[in-house]
All heavy atoms as atom14 arrays in JSON, in Angstrom:
{
  "sequence": "VSCRNLRVWVSWEFSDQQPHTSFRVEIQSSNGYF",
  "atom14_mask": [
    [1, 1, 1, 1, 1, 1, 1, 0, 0, 0, 0, 0, 0, 0],
    [1, 1, 1, 1, 1, 1, 0, 0, 0, 0, 0, 0, 0, 0],
    [1, 1, 1, 1, 1, 1, 0, 0, 0, 0, 0, 0, 0, 0],
    [1, 1, 1, 1, 1, 1, 1, 1, 1, 1, 1, 0, 0, 0],
    [1, 1, 1, 1, 1, 1, 1, 1, 0, 0, 0, 0, 0, 0],
    [1, 1, 1, 1, 1, 1, 1, 1, 0, 0, 0, 0, 0, 0],
    [1, 1, 1, 1, 1, 1, 1, 1, 1, 1, 1, 0, 0, 0],
    [1, 1, 1, 1, 1, 1, 1, 0, 0, 0, 0, 0, 0, 0],
    [1, 1, 1, 1, 1, 1, 1, 1, 1, 1, 1, 1, 1, 1],
    [1, 1, 1, 1, 1, 1, 1, 0, 0, 0, 0, 0, 0, 0],
    [1, 1, 1, 1, 1, 1, 0, 0, 0, 0, 0, 0, 0, 0],
    [1, 1, 1, 1, 1, 1, 1, 1, 1, 1, 1, 1, 1, 1],
    [1, 1, 1, 1, 1, 1, 1, 1, 1, 0, 0, 0, 0, 0],
    [1, 1, 1, 1, 1, 1, 1, 1, 1, 1, 1, 0, 0, 0],
    [1, 1, 1, 1, 1, 1, 0, 0, 0, 0, 0, 0, 0, 0],
    [1, 1, 1, 1, 1, 1, 1, 1, 0, 0, 0, 0, 0, 0],
    [1, 1, 1, 1, 1, 1, 1, 1, 1, 0, 0, 0, 0, 0],
    [1, 1, 1, 1, 1, 1, 1, 1, 1, 0, 0, 0, 0, 0],
    [1, 1, 1, 1, 1, 1, 1, 0, 0, 0, 0, 0, 0, 0],
    [1, 1, 1, 1, 1, 1, 1, 1, 1, 1, 0, 0, 0, 0],
    [1, 1, 1, 1, 1, 1, 1, 0, 0, 0, 0, 0, 0, 0],
    [1, 1, 1, 1, 1, 1, 0, 0, 0, 0, 0, 0, 0, 0],
    [1, 1, 1, 1, 1, 1, 1, 1, 1, 1, 1, 0, 0, 0],
    [1, 1, 1, 1, 1, 1, 1, 1, 1, 1, 1, 0, 0, 0],
    [1, 1, 1, 1, 1, 1, 1, 0, 0, 0, 0, 0, 0, 0],
    [1, 1, 1, 1, 1, 1, 1, 1, 1, 0, 0, 0, 0, 0],
    [1, 1, 1, 1, 1, 1, 1, 1, 0, 0, 0, 0, 0, 0],
    [1, 1, 1, 1, 1, 1, 1, 1, 1, 0, 0, 0, 0, 0],
    [1, 1, 1, 1, 1, 1, 0, 0, 0, 0, 0, 0, 0, 0],
    [1, 1, 1, 1, 1, 1, 0, 0, 0, 0, 0, 0, 0, 0],
    [1, 1, 1, 1, 1, 1, 1, 1, 0, 0, 0, 0, 0, 0],
    [1, 1, 1, 1, 0, 0, 0, 0, 0, 0, 0, 0, 0, 0],
    [1, 1, 1, 1, 1, 1, 1, 1, 1, 1, 1, 1, 0, 0],
    [1, 1, 1, 1, 1, 1, 1, 1, 1, 1, 1, 0, 0, 0]
  ],
  "atom14_positions": [
    [[-68.77, 60.62, -51.35], [-67.68, 59.64, -51.12], [-68.01, 59.04, -49.73], [-68.35, 59.72, -48.72], [-66.28, 60.31, -51.13], [-65.23, 59.22, -50.59], [-65.95, 60.9, -52.4], [0.0, 0.0, 0.0], [0.0, 0.0, 0.0], [0.0, 0.0, 0.0], [0.0, 0.0, 0.0], [0.0, 0.0, 0.0], [0.0, 0.0, 0.0], [0.0, 0.0, 0.0]],
    [[-67.99, 57.7, -49.66], [-68.32, 56.92, -48.43], [-67.26, 55.96, -48.08], [-66.39, 55.59, -48.99], [-69.66, 56.09, -48.58], [-70.68, 56.94, -49.0], [0.0, 0.0, 0.0], [0.0, 0.0, 0.0], [0.0, 0.0, 0.0], [0.0, 0.0, 0.0], [0.0, 0.0, 0.0], [0.0, 0.0, 0.0], [0.0, 0.0, 0.0], [0.0, 0.0, 0.0]],
    [[-67.08, 55.66, -46.8], [-66.04, 54.84, -46.32], [-66.56, 53.83, -45.33], [-67.31, 54.22, -44.48], [-64.92, 55.67, -45.75], [-63.56, 54.64, -45.02], [0.0, 0.0, 0.0], [0.0, 0.0, 0.0], [0.0, 0.0, 0.0], [0.0, 0.0, 0.0], [0.0, 0.0, 0.0], [0.0, 0.0, 0.0], [0.0, 0.0, 0.0], [0.0, 0.0, 0.0]],
    [[-66.17, 52.56, -45.45], [-66.51, 51.57, -44.53], [-65.19, 50.76, -44.3], [-64.84, 49.81, -44.96], [-67.63, 50.63, -44.96], [-68.01, 49.59, -43.92], [-69.23, 48.89, -44.42], [-70.35, 49.73, -44.68], [-71.48, 49.4, -45.36], [-71.55, 48.18, -45.94], [-72.46, 50.21, -45.52], [0.0, 0.0, 0.0], [0.0, 0.0, 0.0], [0.0, 0.0, 0.0]],
    [[-64.44, 51.26, -43.21], [-63.16, 50.7, -42.89], [-62.22, 50.79, -44.19], [-61.91, 51.96, -44.58], [-63.28, 49.15, -42.51], [-62.1, 48.71, -41.67], [-61.39, 49.53, -41.06], [-61.81, 47.48, -41.6], [0.0, 0.0, 0.0], [0.0, 0.0, 0.0], [0.0, 0.0, 0.0], [0.0, 0.0, 0.0], [0.0, 0.0, 0.0], [0.0, 0.0, 0.0]],
    [[-61.76, 49.69, -44.78], [-60.84, 49.85, -45.9], [-61.62, 50.09, -47.26], [-60.85, 50.49, -48.16], [-59.97, 48.58, -46.02], [-59.01, 48.24, -44.87], [-58.43, 46.85, -45.04], [-57.92, 49.32, -44.81], [0.0, 0.0, 0.0], [0.0, 0.0, 0.0], [0.0, 0.0, 0.0], [0.0, 0.0, 0.0], [0.0, 0.0, 0.0], [0.0, 0.0, 0.0]],
    [[-62.82, 49.9, -47.31], [-63.48, 50.06, -48.56], [-63.98, 51.54, -48.72], [-64.69, 52.14, -47.85], [-64.72, 49.15, -48.67], [-65.51, 49.33, -49.96], [-66.55, 48.24, -50.08], [-67.26, 48.38, -51.39], [-68.5, 48.89, -51.51], [-69.15, 49.35, -50.44], [-69.07, 48.96, -52.63], [0.0, 0.0, 0.0], [0.0, 0.0, 0.0], [0.0, 0.0, 0.0]],
    [[-63.54, 52.24, -49.8], [-63.88, 53.59, -50.16], [-64.53, 53.62, -51.46], [-64.04, 53.02, -52.5], [-62.67, 54.45, -50.07], [-63.08, 55.92, -50.33], [-61.84, 54.29, -48.83], [0.0, 0.0, 0.0], [0.0, 0.0, 0.0], [0.0, 0.0, 0.0], [0.0, 0.0, 0.0], [0.0, 0.0, 0.0], [0.0, 0.0, 0.0], [0.0, 0.0, 0.0]],
    [[-65.65, 54.23, -51.64], [-66.4, 54.38, -52.94], [-67.13, 55.69, -53.04], [-67.37, 56.39, -52.07], [-67.38, 53.16, -53.13], [-68.64, 53.31, -52.2], [-69.8, 53.75, -52.56], [-68.72, 52.89, -50.88], [-70.68, 53.73, -51.52], [-70.01, 53.09, -50.46], [-67.81, 52.26, -49.98], [-70.49, 52.82, -49.18], [-68.26, 51.99, -48.65], [-69.62, 52.3, -48.29]],
    [[-67.39, 56.05, -54.36], [-68.06, 57.29, -54.61], [-69.41, 56.92, -55.3], [-69.47, 55.98, -56.09], [-67.27, 58.26, -55.5], [-66.89, 57.64, -56.83], [-68.02, 59.59, -55.75], [0.0, 0.0, 0.0], [0.0, 0.0, 0.0], [0.0, 0.0, 0.0], [0.0, 0.0, 0.0], [0.0, 0.0, 0.0], [0.0, 0.0, 0.0], [0.0, 0.0, 0.0]],
    [[-70.5, 57.62, -54.99], [-71.8, 57.33, -55.63], [-72.44, 58.62, -56.03], [-72.11, 59.62, -55.5], [-72.66, 56.5, -54.62], [-72.87, 57.3, -53.44], [0.0, 0.0, 0.0], [0.0, 0.0, 0.0], [0.0, 0.0, 0.0], [0.0, 0.0, 0.0], [0.0, 0.0, 0.0], [0.0, 0.0, 0.0], [0.0, 0.0, 0.0], [0.0, 0.0, 0.0]],
    [[-73.44, 58.53, -56.92], [-74.14, 59.7, -57.37], [-75.53, 59.3, -57.94], [-75.85, 58.13, -58.03], [-73.33, 60.34, -58.52], [-73.03, 59.39, -59.7], [-73.8, 59.24, -60.78], [-71.91, 58.62, -59.82], [-73.19, 58.37, -61.59], [-71.96, 57.94, -61.07], [-70.76, 58.42, -59.04], [-71.13, 57.01, -61.51], [-69.8, 57.49, -59.46], [-69.98, 56.8, -60.71]],
    [[-76.29, 60.32, -58.33], [-77.65, 60.11, -58.86], [-77.69, 60.77, -60.2], [-76.87, 61.77, -60.46], [-78.71, 60.7, -57.92], [-78.77, 59.99, -56.59], [-79.75, 60.71, -55.69], [-80.35, 61.73, -56.08], [-79.94, 60.23, -54.48], [0.0, 0.0, 0.0], [0.0, 0.0, 0.0], [0.0, 0.0, 0.0], [0.0, 0.0, 0.0], [0.0, 0.0, 0.0]],
    [[-78.52, 60.24, -61.09], [-78.7, 60.87, -62.43], [-80.16, 60.73, -62.82], [-80.72, 59.68, -62.75], [-77.75, 60.12, -63.41], [-77.62, 60.76, -64.75], [-77.04, 61.97, -64.92], [-78.14, 60.2, -65.87], [-76.98, 62.62, -66.18], [-78.12, 60.75, -67.15], [-77.52, 61.97, -67.33], [0.0, 0.0, 0.0], [0.0, 0.0, 0.0], [0.0, 0.0, 0.0]],
    [[-80.67, 61.83, -63.31], [-82.14, 61.86, -63.6], [-82.53, 61.48, -65.01], [-83.63, 61.07, -65.27], [-82.74, 63.32, -63.39], [-81.98, 64.25, -64.2], [0.0, 0.0, 0.0], [0.0, 0.0, 0.0], [0.0, 0.0, 0.0], [0.0, 0.0, 0.0], [0.0, 0.0, 0.0], [0.0, 0.0, 0.0], [0.0, 0.0, 0.0], [0.0, 0.0, 0.0]],
    [[-81.61, 61.49, -65.99], [-81.88, 61.23, -67.35], [-81.15, 60.06, -67.87], [-80.39, 60.07, -68.78], [-81.55, 62.43, -68.23], [-82.07, 62.31, -69.64], [-82.98, 61.58, -69.91], [-81.46, 62.96, -70.54], [0.0, 0.0, 0.0], [0.0, 0.0, 0.0], [0.0, 0.0, 0.0], [0.0, 0.0, 0.0], [0.0, 0.0, 0.0], [0.0, 0.0, 0.0]],
    [[-81.36, 58.86, -67.2], [-80.66, 57.7, -67.56], [-81.19, 57.12, -68.89], [-82.35, 56.94, -69.01], [-80.83, 56.55, -66.49], [-80.02, 55.33, -66.71], [-78.51, 55.48, -66.63], [-78.07, 56.41, -65.83], [-77.76, 54.79, -67.26], [0.0, 0.0, 0.0], [0.0, 0.0, 0.0], [0.0, 0.0, 0.0], [0.0, 0.0, 0.0], [0.0, 0.0, 0.0]],
    [[-80.25, 56.81, -69.8], [-80.56, 56.3, -71.19], [-79.65, 55.11, -71.41], [-78.64, 54.97, -70.72], [-80.44, 57.38, -72.19], [-81.42, 58.53, -72.05], [-81.34, 59.51, -73.24], [-80.66, 59.28, -74.22], [-82.01, 60.63, -73.03], [0.0, 0.0, 0.0], [0.0, 0.0, 0.0], [0.0, 0.0, 0.0], [0.0, 0.0, 0.0], [0.0, 0.0, 0.0]],
    [[-80.02, 54.32, -72.47], [-79.24, 53.04, -72.73], [-77.76, 53.32, -72.91], [-76.9, 52.43, -72.54], [-79.81, 52.43, -73.97], [-81.22, 52.97, -73.96], [-81.17, 54.33, -73.29], [0.0, 0.0, 0.0], [0.0, 0.0, 0.0], [0.0, 0.0, 0.0], [0.0, 0.0, 0.0], [0.0, 0.0, 0.0], [0.0, 0.0, 0.0], [0.0, 0.0, 0.0]],
    [[-77.31, 54.47, -73.53], [-75.92, 54.68, -73.81], [-75.34, 55.73, -72.86], [-74.29, 56.37, -73.26], [-75.81, 55.2, -75.21], [-76.3, 54.16, -76.21], [-75.69, 53.03, -76.54], [-77.41, 54.13, -77.02], [-76.32, 52.31, -77.41], [-77.41, 52.98, -77.76], [0.0, 0.0, 0.0], [0.0, 0.0, 0.0], [0.0, 0.0, 0.0], [0.0, 0.0, 0.0]],
    [[-75.83, 55.82, -71.7], [-75.27, 56.79, -70.67], [-74.17, 56.09, -69.93], [-74.25, 54.97, -69.45], [-76.39, 57.29, -69.66], [-77.5, 57.81, -70.42], [-75.8, 58.29, -68.73], [0.0, 0.0, 0.0], [0.0, 0.0, 0.0], [0.0, 0.0, 0.0], [0.0, 0.0, 0.0], [0.0, 0.0, 0.0], [0.0, 0.0, 0.0], [0.0, 0.0, 0.0]],
    [[-73.03, 56.9, -69.8], [-71.93, 56.42, -68.97], [-71.36, 57.62, -68.19], [-71.85, 58.73, -68.39], [-70.78, 55.84, -69.86], [-70.31, 56.77, -70.74], [0.0, 0.0, 0.0], [0.0, 0.0, 0.0], [0.0, 0.0, 0.0], [0.0, 0.0, 0.0], [0.0, 0.0, 0.0], [0.0, 0.0, 0.0], [0.0, 0.0, 0.0], [0.0, 0.0, 0.0]],
    [[-70.42, 57.36, -67.22], [-69.95, 58.38, -66.39], [-68.44, 58.32, -66.31], [-67.9, 57.21, -66.11], [-70.53, 58.28, -64.98], [-72.03, 58.29, -64.98], [-72.78, 57.12, -65.02], [-72.71, 59.54, -64.89], [-74.14, 57.14, -65.07], [-74.08, 59.5, -64.93], [-74.84, 58.34, -64.95], [0.0, 0.0, 0.0], [0.0, 0.0, 0.0], [0.0, 0.0, 0.0]],
    [[-67.83, 59.49, -66.4], [-66.36, 59.55, -66.22], [-66.06, 59.93, -64.8], [-66.6, 60.96, -64.25], [-65.75, 60.59, -67.18], [-64.2, 60.67, -67.09], [-63.66, 61.52, -68.21], [-64.08, 62.92, -68.17], [-64.78, 63.38, -69.26], [-65.06, 62.69, -70.34], [-65.23, 64.68, -69.16], [0.0, 0.0, 0.0], [0.0, 0.0, 0.0], [0.0, 0.0, 0.0]],
    [[-65.2, 59.11, -64.17], [-64.74, 59.3, -62.82], [-63.35, 59.7, -62.7], [-62.48, 59.02, -63.24], [-65.03, 58.09, -61.93], [-64.61, 58.3, -60.49], [-66.48, 57.62, -62.0], [0.0, 0.0, 0.0], [0.0, 0.0, 0.0], [0.0, 0.0, 0.0], [0.0, 0.0, 0.0], [0.0, 0.0, 0.0], [0.0, 0.0, 0.0], [0.0, 0.0, 0.0]],
    [[-63.1, 60.83, -62.13], [-61.73, 61.39, -62.02], [-61.34, 61.6, -60.5], [-62.08, 62.19, -59.81], [-61.56, 62.76, -62.73], [-61.9, 62.63, -64.21], [-61.89, 64.01, -64.86], [-62.95, 64.64, -64.76], [-60.9, 64.45, -65.37], [0.0, 0.0, 0.0], [0.0, 0.0, 0.0], [0.0, 0.0, 0.0], [0.0, 0.0, 0.0], [0.0, 0.0, 0.0]],
    [[-60.22, 60.99, -60.09], [-59.72, 61.23, -58.81], [-58.55, 62.16, -58.82], [-57.54, 61.9, -59.41], [-59.27, 59.87, -58.15], [-60.38, 58.85, -58.18], [-58.82, 60.04, -56.73], [-60.0, 57.44, -57.71], [0.0, 0.0, 0.0], [0.0, 0.0, 0.0], [0.0, 0.0, 0.0], [0.0, 0.0, 0.0], [0.0, 0.0, 0.0], [0.0, 0.0, 0.0]],
    [[-58.68, 63.28, -58.15], [-57.68, 64.26, -58.01], [-57.1, 64.15, -56.56], [-57.83, 64.34, -55.66], [-58.19, 65.63, -58.3], [-58.67, 65.81, -59.76], [-59.33, 67.18, -60.04], [-59.82, 67.79, -59.09], [-59.12, 67.71, -61.23], [0.0, 0.0, 0.0], [0.0, 0.0, 0.0], [0.0, 0.0, 0.0], [0.0, 0.0, 0.0], [0.0, 0.0, 0.0]],
    [[-55.76, 63.87, -56.53], [-55.14, 63.6, -55.25], [-53.93, 64.44, -55.11], [-53.31, 64.89, -56.03], [-54.84, 62.0, -55.19], [-54.06, 61.79, -54.07], [0.0, 0.0, 0.0], [0.0, 0.0, 0.0], [0.0, 0.0, 0.0], [0.0, 0.0, 0.0], [0.0, 0.0, 0.0], [0.0, 0.0, 0.0], [0.0, 0.0, 0.0], [0.0, 0.0, 0.0]],
    [[-53.46, 64.47, -53.87], [-52.22, 65.22, -53.58], [-51.05, 64.37, -54.09], [-49.87, 65.0, -54.19], [-52.08, 65.52, -52.07], [-52.17, 64.28, -51.32], [0.0, 0.0, 0.0], [0.0, 0.0, 0.0], [0.0, 0.0, 0.0], [0.0, 0.0, 0.0], [0.0, 0.0, 0.0], [0.0, 0.0, 0.0], [0.0, 0.0, 0.0], [0.0, 0.0, 0.0]],
    [[-51.25, 63.12, -54.35], [-50.19, 62.27, -54.8], [-50.5, 61.52, -56.09], [-49.89, 60.41, -56.28], [-49.8, 61.29, -53.66], [-49.24, 61.99, -52.42], [-50.04, 62.14, -51.48], [-48.05, 62.34, -52.37], [0.0, 0.0, 0.0], [0.0, 0.0, 0.0], [0.0, 0.0, 0.0], [0.0, 0.0, 0.0], [0.0, 0.0, 0.0], [0.0, 0.0, 0.0]],
    [[-51.28, 61.97, -56.92], [-51.58, 61.34, -58.17], [-52.96, 61.65, -58.78], [-53.72, 62.4, -58.11], [0.0, 0.0, 0.0], [0.0, 0.0, 0.0], [0.0, 0.0, 0.0], [0.0, 0.0, 0.0], [0.0, 0.0, 0.0], [0.0, 0.0, 0.0], [0.0, 0.0, 0.0], [0.0, 0.0, 0.0], [0.0, 0.0, 0.0], [0.0, 0.0, 0.0]],
    [[-53.22, 61.18, -59.96], [-54.45, 61.39, -60.69], [-54.88, 60.09, -61.37], [-54.06, 59.29, -61.79], [-54.18, 62.47, -61.82], [-55.38, 62.67, -62.64], [-56.38, 63.53, -62.33], [-55.39, 62.06, -63.92], [-57.53, 63.68, -63.13], [-56.54, 62.28, -64.79], [-57.56, 63.11, -64.41], [-58.61, 63.31, -65.2], [0.0, 0.0, 0.0], [0.0, 0.0, 0.0]],
    [[-56.2, 59.8, -61.31], [-56.75, 58.62, -61.84], [-58.04, 58.96, -62.52], [-58.89, 59.85, -62.08], [-56.97, 57.62, -60.7], [-57.67, 56.35, -61.1], [-56.87, 55.39, -61.68], [-59.04, 56.19, -61.03], [-57.46, 54.17, -62.09], [-59.56, 55.0, -61.34], [-58.84, 53.96, -61.95], [0.0, 0.0, 0.0], [0.0, 0.0, 0.0], [0.0, 0.0, 0.0]]
  ]
}
C-alpha cells in the first residue's frame, strides 16, 4: 500500500500472468468492508 498525499493505492506482482487472469481486492477496515 502506497500513499501520496490524498491518493492511496495498493500494488502487487504476479509471475504467471495469462489472458484471463484477474485479481480480487478486499479492503478490511475498522469502519467497513469493500
